[in-house]
Amino acid sequence: MLKSIGRLALCLALCLGIGVTAGLATMPEIPTWYASLAKPAWTPPRAMFAPVWSFLYMLMAVSLWRLWDRTIPSPARREALIFFFTQLALNAVWSPVFFVLHDTLIALGIIIALVVVIIGTIVTSGRVDRGAAWLLMPYLGWVAYATTLNAGIVAMN
């Protein structure tokens, strides 16, 4: 039990840590560079991003914990974990590319790849733990939506 709680804490620390790091990179750019961009009409209010992302990072952490703690080691679990960590890396890279480097086009390529890898993560996770896969569905929906925002920003600027 204690081992499982420790694993959950590590998963939460990892996923939320990536979210905090992304937020720190993003925040200085919101009132300056990002505010100056033309944005699609479907851009949500600024106040919506932090709570949504916090919730999604928690769901991602629980999904990772389920894969790590609740499934037996197997090639299928290993594949799911590889996909999971690949999507997490793409997630971590997107914010600095978009907000710090201001490279919206490269960021668009990254977020499209992220959507594809999230789908792969859901498919491979579903083979070993359906709950882990379902926990990633809201994340997929939000990142697909964010992809349309990124594309709109590229087109409008």
N, C-alpha and C. Protein backbone atom coordinates (compact mmCIF):
# COMPACT_ATOMS: atom_id res chain seq x y z
N MET A 1 0.82 -1.20 0.00
CA MET A 1 0.00 0.00 0.00
C MET A 1 0.86 1.27 0.00
N LEU A 2 1.86 1.29 0.88
CA LEU A 2 2.74 2.45 0.96
C LEU A 2 3.52 2.64 -0.33
N LYS A 3 3.95 1.52 -0.93
CA LYS A 3 4.67 1.58 -2.20
C LYS A 3 3.78 2.18 -3.29
N SER A 4 2.52 1.79 -3.31
CA SER A 4 1.57 2.30 -4.30
C SER A 4 1.33 3.80 -4.12
N ILE A 5 1.20 4.23 -2.88
CA ILE A 5 1.00 5.66 -2.59
C ILE A 5 2.23 6.45 -3.02
N GLY A 6 3.40 5.89 -2.77
CA GLY A 6 4.64 6.55 -3.20
C GLY A 6 4.71 6.68 -4.71
N ARG A 7 4.29 5.64 -5.41
CA ARG A 7 4.27 5.70 -6.87
C ARG A 7 3.29 6.76 -7.37
N LEU A 8 2.13 6.81 -6.75
CA LEU A 8 1.15 7.83 -7.14
C LEU A 8 1.72 9.22 -6.91
N ALA A 9 2.38 9.41 -5.77
CA ALA A 9 2.99 10.72 -5.47
C ALA A 9 4.05 11.08 -6.52
N LEU A 10 4.85 10.11 -6.93
CA LEU A 10 5.86 10.37 -7.96
C LEU A 10 5.21 10.73 -9.30
N CYS A 11 4.16 10.03 -9.65
CA CYS A 11 3.45 10.32 -10.91
C CYS A 11 2.85 11.72 -10.87
N LEU A 12 2.24 12.07 -9.74
CA LEU A 12 1.67 13.42 -9.60
C LEU A 12 2.77 14.48 -9.67
N ALA A 13 3.89 14.23 -8.98
CA ALA A 13 5.00 15.19 -8.99
C ALA A 13 5.54 15.38 -10.40
N LEU A 14 5.69 14.28 -11.14
CA LEU A 14 6.21 14.37 -12.51
C LEU A 14 5.27 15.16 -13.41
N CYS A 15 4.02 14.75 -13.46
CA CYS A 15 3.07 15.40 -14.38
C CYS A 15 2.78 16.84 -13.98
N LEU A 16 2.52 17.07 -12.70
CA LEU A 16 2.25 18.44 -12.26
C LEU A 16 3.51 19.30 -12.36
N GLY A 17 4.68 18.69 -12.17
CA GLY A 17 5.94 19.44 -12.34
C GLY A 17 6.12 19.93 -13.75
N ILE A 18 5.74 19.11 -14.72
CA ILE A 18 5.81 19.55 -16.12
C ILE A 18 4.82 20.68 -16.35
N GLY A 19 3.64 20.56 -15.74
CA GLY A 19 2.65 21.63 -15.86
C GLY A 19 3.13 22.93 -15.25
N VAL A 20 3.75 22.87 -14.09
CA VAL A 20 4.26 24.08 -13.43
C VAL A 20 5.37 24.69 -14.27
N THR A 21 6.26 23.86 -14.78
CA THR A 21 7.35 24.36 -15.63
C THR A 21 6.80 25.05 -16.87
N ALA A 22 5.80 24.45 -17.49
CA ALA A 22 5.16 25.07 -18.66
C ALA A 22 4.52 26.39 -18.28
N GLY A 23 3.86 26.41 -17.14
CA GLY A 23 3.22 27.64 -16.68
C GLY A 23 4.22 28.75 -16.43
N LEU A 24 5.36 28.41 -15.84
CA LEU A 24 6.39 29.42 -15.58
C LEU A 24 6.95 29.98 -16.88
N ALA A 25 7.08 29.14 -17.89
CA ALA A 25 7.56 29.61 -19.19
C ALA A 25 6.52 30.47 -19.89
N THR A 26 5.26 30.14 -19.66
CA THR A 26 4.15 30.79 -20.36
C THR A 26 3.77 32.13 -19.75
N MET A 27 3.69 32.20 -18.44
CA MET A 27 3.13 33.37 -17.76
C MET A 27 3.70 34.72 -18.18
N PRO A 28 5.03 34.88 -18.29
CA PRO A 28 5.53 36.20 -18.68
C PRO A 28 5.12 36.63 -20.09
N GLU A 29 4.80 35.65 -20.93
CA GLU A 29 4.48 35.94 -22.33
C GLU A 29 3.00 36.25 -22.55
N ILE A 30 2.15 35.91 -21.61
CA ILE A 30 0.70 36.09 -21.78
C ILE A 30 0.33 37.57 -21.93
N PRO A 31 0.75 38.45 -21.01
CA PRO A 31 0.32 39.86 -21.14
C PRO A 31 1.07 40.64 -22.22
N THR A 32 2.12 40.07 -22.75
CA THR A 32 2.92 40.79 -23.75
C THR A 32 2.75 40.18 -25.13
N TRP A 33 3.61 39.24 -25.47
CA TRP A 33 3.61 38.67 -26.81
C TRP A 33 2.28 38.01 -27.17
N TYR A 34 1.77 37.12 -26.31
CA TYR A 34 0.53 36.41 -26.60
C TYR A 34 -0.65 37.36 -26.74
N ALA A 35 -0.69 38.38 -25.91
CA ALA A 35 -1.79 39.36 -25.98
C ALA A 35 -1.79 40.11 -27.30
N SER A 36 -0.63 40.23 -27.92
CA SER A 36 -0.54 40.98 -29.18
C SER A 36 -0.95 40.16 -30.41
N LEU A 37 -1.11 38.86 -30.24
CA LEU A 37 -1.46 38.00 -31.38
C LEU A 37 -2.94 38.10 -31.73
N ALA A 38 -3.24 37.98 -33.01
CA ALA A 38 -4.62 37.77 -33.43
C ALA A 38 -4.96 36.32 -33.11
N LYS A 39 -6.13 36.11 -32.50
CA LYS A 39 -6.52 34.77 -32.08
C LYS A 39 -7.89 34.42 -32.63
N PRO A 40 -8.14 33.11 -32.82
CA PRO A 40 -9.45 32.68 -33.31
C PRO A 40 -10.57 33.05 -32.34
N ALA A 41 -11.76 33.19 -32.87
CA ALA A 41 -12.92 33.56 -32.06
C ALA A 41 -13.22 32.52 -30.99
N TRP A 42 -12.80 31.27 -31.19
CA TRP A 42 -13.09 30.22 -30.23
C TRP A 42 -12.02 30.10 -29.13
N THR A 43 -11.15 31.09 -29.02
CA THR A 43 -10.15 31.10 -27.94
C THR A 43 -10.86 31.27 -26.60
N PRO A 44 -10.58 30.37 -25.65
CA PRO A 44 -11.26 30.48 -24.35
C PRO A 44 -10.69 31.62 -23.52
N PRO A 45 -11.40 32.00 -22.47
CA PRO A 45 -10.88 33.05 -21.59
C PRO A 45 -9.57 32.59 -20.93
N ARG A 46 -8.71 33.52 -20.71
CA ARG A 46 -7.38 33.25 -20.13
C ARG A 46 -7.49 32.48 -18.81
N ALA A 47 -8.48 32.81 -18.00
CA ALA A 47 -8.62 32.19 -16.68
C ALA A 47 -8.95 30.70 -16.76
N MET A 48 -9.32 30.22 -17.90
CA MET A 48 -9.72 28.82 -18.06
C MET A 48 -8.52 27.87 -18.16
N PHE A 49 -7.40 28.36 -18.67
CA PHE A 49 -6.27 27.49 -18.99
C PHE A 49 -5.67 26.81 -17.76
N ALA A 50 -5.36 27.54 -16.70
CA ALA A 50 -4.69 26.94 -15.54
C ALA A 50 -5.54 25.84 -14.88
N PRO A 51 -6.83 26.08 -14.61
CA PRO A 51 -7.59 24.99 -13.99
C PRO A 51 -7.76 23.78 -14.89
N VAL A 52 -7.96 24.00 -16.17
CA VAL A 52 -8.13 22.87 -17.09
C VAL A 52 -6.85 22.06 -17.15
N TRP A 53 -5.72 22.75 -17.34
CA TRP A 53 -4.45 22.02 -17.43
C TRP A 53 -4.12 21.32 -16.12
N SER A 54 -4.39 21.93 -15.00
CA SER A 54 -4.12 21.28 -13.71
C SER A 54 -4.90 19.97 -13.60
N PHE A 55 -6.17 20.02 -13.95
CA PHE A 55 -7.02 18.83 -13.92
C PHE A 55 -6.48 17.76 -14.88
N LEU A 56 -6.10 18.18 -16.08
CA LEU A 56 -5.59 17.22 -17.06
C LEU A 56 -4.27 16.58 -16.61
N TYR A 57 -3.38 17.37 -16.02
CA TYR A 57 -2.13 16.80 -15.53
C TYR A 57 -2.38 15.80 -14.40
N MET A 58 -3.39 16.04 -13.57
CA MET A 58 -3.74 15.07 -12.53
C MET A 58 -4.29 13.78 -13.14
N LEU A 59 -5.14 13.91 -14.16
CA LEU A 59 -5.64 12.71 -14.84
C LEU A 59 -4.50 11.94 -15.49
N MET A 60 -3.56 12.65 -16.10
CA MET A 60 -2.40 12.00 -16.71
C MET A 60 -1.60 11.25 -15.66
N ALA A 61 -1.42 11.86 -14.49
CA ALA A 61 -0.65 11.24 -13.41
C ALA A 61 -1.32 9.95 -12.94
N VAL A 62 -2.63 9.99 -12.79
CA VAL A 62 -3.35 8.78 -12.34
C VAL A 62 -3.27 7.70 -13.42
N SER A 63 -3.35 8.09 -14.68
CA SER A 63 -3.20 7.14 -15.77
C SER A 63 -1.82 6.48 -15.72
N LEU A 64 -0.79 7.28 -15.56
CA LEU A 64 0.57 6.75 -15.47
C LEU A 64 0.70 5.82 -14.26
N TRP A 65 0.15 6.22 -13.13
CA TRP A 65 0.20 5.40 -11.92
C TRP A 65 -0.47 4.05 -12.15
N ARG A 66 -1.62 4.08 -12.81
CA ARG A 66 -2.32 2.81 -13.08
C ARG A 66 -1.46 1.91 -13.96
N LEU A 67 -0.82 2.49 -14.98
CA LEU A 67 0.04 1.69 -15.85
C LEU A 67 1.23 1.11 -15.08
N TRP A 68 1.79 1.90 -14.20
CA TRP A 68 2.99 1.51 -13.46
C TRP A 68 2.65 0.56 -12.30
N ASP A 69 1.60 0.88 -11.58
CA ASP A 69 1.31 0.20 -10.32
C ASP A 69 0.26 -0.89 -10.44
N ARG A 70 -0.66 -0.75 -11.35
CA ARG A 70 -1.81 -1.65 -11.39
C ARG A 70 -1.77 -2.68 -12.51
N THR A 71 -0.73 -2.67 -13.33
CA THR A 71 -0.64 -3.64 -14.41
C THR A 71 0.64 -4.45 -14.25
N ILE A 72 0.58 -5.67 -14.71
CA ILE A 72 1.76 -6.53 -14.59
C ILE A 72 2.75 -6.18 -15.70
N PRO A 73 4.04 -6.29 -15.40
CA PRO A 73 5.04 -6.02 -16.44
C PRO A 73 4.82 -6.94 -17.65
N SER A 74 4.85 -6.33 -18.83
CA SER A 74 4.66 -7.07 -20.07
C SER A 74 5.13 -6.19 -21.22
N PRO A 75 5.36 -6.77 -22.39
CA PRO A 75 5.70 -5.94 -23.55
C PRO A 75 4.61 -4.90 -23.86
N ALA A 76 3.35 -5.25 -23.66
CA ALA A 76 2.26 -4.30 -23.93
C ALA A 76 2.31 -3.13 -22.96
N ARG A 77 2.59 -3.41 -21.69
CA ARG A 77 2.71 -2.31 -20.71
C ARG A 77 3.91 -1.44 -21.06
N ARG A 78 5.00 -2.07 -21.43
CA ARG A 78 6.19 -1.29 -21.80
C ARG A 78 5.89 -0.37 -22.98
N GLU A 79 5.19 -0.88 -23.98
CA GLU A 79 4.82 -0.06 -25.13
C GLU A 79 3.95 1.12 -24.70
N ALA A 80 2.98 0.86 -23.83
CA ALA A 80 2.12 1.94 -23.33
C ALA A 80 2.93 2.99 -22.59
N LEU A 81 3.88 2.57 -21.78
CA LEU A 81 4.71 3.52 -21.03
C LEU A 81 5.62 4.32 -21.97
N ILE A 82 6.13 3.68 -23.01
CA ILE A 82 6.94 4.42 -23.99
C ILE A 82 6.09 5.50 -24.66
N PHE A 83 4.89 5.15 -25.08
CA PHE A 83 3.99 6.16 -25.66
C PHE A 83 3.68 7.25 -24.64
N PHE A 84 3.41 6.86 -23.40
CA PHE A 84 3.07 7.84 -22.38
C PHE A 84 4.21 8.86 -22.21
N PHE A 85 5.43 8.37 -22.04
CA PHE A 85 6.54 9.28 -21.81
C PHE A 85 6.88 10.10 -23.06
N THR A 86 6.61 9.55 -24.24
CA THR A 86 6.82 10.32 -25.47
C THR A 86 5.84 11.48 -25.54
N GLN A 87 4.55 11.21 -25.22
CA GLN A 87 3.58 12.31 -25.25
C GLN A 87 3.91 13.34 -24.17
N LEU A 88 4.40 12.87 -23.03
CA LEU A 88 4.74 13.80 -21.95
C LEU A 88 5.90 14.71 -22.38
N ALA A 89 6.87 14.15 -23.09
CA ALA A 89 8.00 14.95 -23.59
C ALA A 89 7.52 15.97 -24.61
N LEU A 90 6.66 15.56 -25.54
CA LEU A 90 6.12 16.51 -26.52
C LEU A 90 5.33 17.60 -25.82
N ASN A 91 4.55 17.23 -24.82
CA ASN A 91 3.79 18.20 -24.03
C ASN A 91 4.73 19.21 -23.41
N ALA A 92 5.84 18.73 -22.83
CA ALA A 92 6.80 19.61 -22.15
C ALA A 92 7.50 20.56 -23.12
N VAL A 93 7.69 20.13 -24.35
CA VAL A 93 8.41 20.95 -25.34
C VAL A 93 7.51 22.02 -25.96
N TRP A 94 6.22 21.76 -26.07
CA TRP A 94 5.35 22.67 -26.80
C TRP A 94 5.34 24.08 -26.21
N SER A 95 5.14 24.22 -24.93
CA SER A 95 5.02 25.56 -24.32
C SER A 95 6.24 26.44 -24.55
N PRO A 96 7.46 25.94 -24.30
CA PRO A 96 8.62 26.80 -24.57
C PRO A 96 8.77 27.17 -26.04
N VAL A 97 8.45 26.25 -26.93
CA VAL A 97 8.57 26.57 -28.36
C VAL A 97 7.55 27.65 -28.72
N PHE A 98 6.31 27.49 -28.28
CA PHE A 98 5.26 28.45 -28.61
C PHE A 98 5.47 29.77 -27.89
N PHE A 99 5.59 29.74 -26.58
CA PHE A 99 5.58 30.97 -25.79
C PHE A 99 6.93 31.63 -25.61
N VAL A 100 8.01 30.87 -25.52
CA VAL A 100 9.33 31.48 -25.29
C VAL A 100 10.03 31.78 -26.61
N LEU A 101 10.02 30.80 -27.51
CA LEU A 101 10.67 31.01 -28.81
C LEU A 101 9.76 31.74 -29.80
N HIS A 102 8.46 31.80 -29.50
CA HIS A 102 7.46 32.45 -30.36
C HIS A 102 7.41 31.80 -31.74
N ASP A 103 7.71 30.53 -31.80
CA ASP A 103 7.68 29.81 -33.08
C ASP A 103 6.37 29.02 -33.19
N THR A 104 5.34 29.71 -33.60
CA THR A 104 4.01 29.11 -33.64
C THR A 104 3.90 27.99 -34.68
N LEU A 105 4.67 28.07 -35.74
CA LEU A 105 4.62 27.04 -36.78
C LEU A 105 5.27 25.73 -36.31
N ILE A 106 6.45 25.83 -35.72
CA ILE A 106 7.09 24.62 -35.16
C ILE A 106 6.21 24.06 -34.04
N ALA A 107 5.64 24.94 -33.22
CA ALA A 107 4.74 24.50 -32.14
C ALA A 107 3.55 23.75 -32.73
N LEU A 108 3.04 24.20 -33.86
CA LEU A 108 1.93 23.50 -34.51
C LEU A 108 2.34 22.08 -34.90
N GLY A 109 3.52 21.93 -35.45
CA GLY A 109 4.01 20.59 -35.77
C GLY A 109 4.13 19.72 -34.53
N ILE A 110 4.61 20.30 -33.45
CA ILE A 110 4.75 19.55 -32.19
C ILE A 110 3.39 19.13 -31.66
N ILE A 111 2.42 20.04 -31.68
CA ILE A 111 1.12 19.70 -31.10
C ILE A 111 0.36 18.70 -31.97
N ILE A 112 0.58 18.74 -33.27
CA ILE A 112 -0.02 17.71 -34.14
C ILE A 112 0.59 16.35 -33.80
N ALA A 113 1.91 16.31 -33.66
CA ALA A 113 2.57 15.07 -33.25
C ALA A 113 2.05 14.62 -31.88
N LEU A 114 1.83 15.57 -30.99
CA LEU A 114 1.32 15.26 -29.65
C LEU A 114 -0.04 14.58 -29.73
N VAL A 115 -0.93 15.10 -30.57
CA VAL A 115 -2.25 14.47 -30.73
C VAL A 115 -2.09 13.02 -31.19
N VAL A 116 -1.23 12.80 -32.17
CA VAL A 116 -1.02 11.45 -32.70
C VAL A 116 -0.47 10.53 -31.60
N VAL A 117 0.47 11.02 -30.82
CA VAL A 117 1.08 10.18 -29.79
C VAL A 117 0.11 9.97 -28.62
N ILE A 118 -0.73 10.95 -28.31
CA ILE A 118 -1.76 10.72 -27.28
C ILE A 118 -2.70 9.61 -27.74
N ILE A 119 -3.10 9.64 -29.00
CA ILE A 119 -3.95 8.55 -29.52
C ILE A 119 -3.23 7.22 -29.37
N GLY A 120 -1.95 7.18 -29.72
CA GLY A 120 -1.17 5.95 -29.54
C GLY A 120 -1.10 5.54 -28.08
N THR A 121 -0.98 6.51 -27.19
CA THR A 121 -0.94 6.21 -25.75
C THR A 121 -2.27 5.61 -25.29
N ILE A 122 -3.36 6.18 -25.76
CA ILE A 122 -4.68 5.66 -25.39
C ILE A 122 -4.87 4.24 -25.91
N VAL A 123 -4.50 4.01 -27.15
CA VAL A 123 -4.66 2.67 -27.75
C VAL A 123 -3.80 1.65 -27.01
N THR A 124 -2.53 1.97 -26.80
CA THR A 124 -1.64 0.99 -26.16
C THR A 124 -1.99 0.82 -24.68
N SER A 125 -2.39 1.88 -24.02
CA SER A 125 -2.80 1.77 -22.61
C SER A 125 -4.05 0.93 -22.47
N GLY A 126 -4.97 1.08 -23.41
CA GLY A 126 -6.21 0.32 -23.37
C GLY A 126 -5.99 -1.18 -23.44
N ARG A 127 -4.88 -1.59 -24.00
CA ARG A 127 -4.57 -3.02 -24.09
C ARG A 127 -4.20 -3.62 -22.73
N VAL A 128 -3.74 -2.77 -21.81
CA VAL A 128 -3.33 -3.28 -20.50
C VAL A 128 -4.19 -2.77 -19.35
N ASP A 129 -4.82 -1.60 -19.52
CA ASP A 129 -5.66 -1.03 -18.46
C ASP A 129 -6.61 -0.02 -19.09
N ARG A 130 -7.84 -0.42 -19.25
CA ARG A 130 -8.83 0.47 -19.89
C ARG A 130 -9.03 1.76 -19.10
N GLY A 131 -8.96 1.68 -17.79
CA GLY A 131 -9.10 2.88 -16.96
C GLY A 131 -8.02 3.90 -17.25
N ALA A 132 -6.78 3.43 -17.40
CA ALA A 132 -5.67 4.32 -17.72
C ALA A 132 -5.91 5.00 -19.06
N ALA A 133 -6.45 4.25 -20.01
CA ALA A 133 -6.74 4.82 -21.33
C ALA A 133 -7.85 5.86 -21.26
N TRP A 134 -8.94 5.54 -20.56
CA TRP A 134 -10.07 6.47 -20.46
C TRP A 134 -9.70 7.76 -19.75
N LEU A 135 -8.78 7.69 -18.80
CA LEU A 135 -8.35 8.90 -18.10
C LEU A 135 -7.69 9.90 -19.03
N LEU A 136 -7.20 9.45 -20.17
CA LEU A 136 -6.52 10.33 -21.12
C LEU A 136 -7.45 10.94 -22.16
N MET A 137 -8.70 10.52 -22.18
CA MET A 137 -9.63 11.04 -23.20
C MET A 137 -9.87 12.55 -23.07
N PRO A 138 -10.10 13.11 -21.87
CA PRO A 138 -10.26 14.57 -21.79
C PRO A 138 -9.01 15.32 -22.26
N TYR A 139 -7.86 14.77 -21.97
CA TYR A 139 -6.59 15.34 -22.40
C TYR A 139 -6.53 15.38 -23.93
N LEU A 140 -6.89 14.27 -24.57
CA LEU A 140 -6.91 14.24 -26.03
C LEU A 140 -7.86 15.30 -26.58
N GLY A 141 -9.04 15.41 -25.99
CA GLY A 141 -10.00 16.41 -26.45
C GLY A 141 -9.46 17.82 -26.33
N TRP A 142 -8.84 18.12 -25.20
CA TRP A 142 -8.31 19.48 -24.98
C TRP A 142 -7.14 19.76 -25.91
N VAL A 143 -6.25 18.80 -26.10
CA VAL A 143 -5.10 19.04 -26.98
C VAL A 143 -5.56 19.15 -28.43
N ALA A 144 -6.57 18.41 -28.83
CA ALA A 144 -7.11 18.57 -30.19
C ALA A 144 -7.67 19.98 -30.35
N TYR A 145 -8.39 20.46 -29.34
CA TYR A 145 -8.91 21.83 -29.35
C TYR A 145 -7.76 22.84 -29.40
N ALA A 146 -6.74 22.62 -28.56
CA ALA A 146 -5.58 23.52 -28.56
C ALA A 146 -4.87 23.53 -29.91
N THR A 147 -4.92 22.40 -30.60
CA THR A 147 -4.32 22.33 -31.93
C THR A 147 -5.04 23.27 -32.89
N THR A 148 -6.36 23.34 -32.78
CA THR A 148 -7.09 24.27 -33.65
C THR A 148 -6.75 25.72 -33.31
N LEU A 149 -6.53 25.99 -32.04
CA LEU A 149 -6.12 27.35 -31.64
C LEU A 149 -4.75 27.68 -32.19
N ASN A 150 -3.81 26.75 -32.05
CA ASN A 150 -2.46 26.95 -32.57
C ASN A 150 -2.51 27.18 -34.09
N ALA A 151 -3.29 26.35 -34.79
CA ALA A 151 -3.41 26.50 -36.24
C ALA A 151 -4.03 27.85 -36.61
N GLY A 152 -5.05 28.25 -35.85
CA GLY A 152 -5.68 29.55 -36.09
C GLY A 152 -4.70 30.69 -35.90
N ILE A 153 -3.88 30.60 -34.87
CA ILE A 153 -2.88 31.65 -34.61
C ILE A 153 -1.86 31.69 -35.74
N VAL A 154 -1.43 30.53 -36.21
CA VAL A 154 -0.49 30.50 -37.33
C VAL A 154 -1.13 31.18 -38.56
N ALA A 155 -2.37 30.83 -38.85
CA ALA A 155 -3.05 31.38 -40.03
C ALA A 155 -3.31 32.88 -39.91
N MET A 156 -3.60 33.35 -38.71
CA MET A 156 -3.98 34.76 -38.53
C MET A 156 -2.79 35.70 -38.31
N ASN A 157 -1.63 35.13 -38.05
CA ASN A 157 -0.46 35.97 -37.77
C ASN A 157 0.61 35.68 -38.80
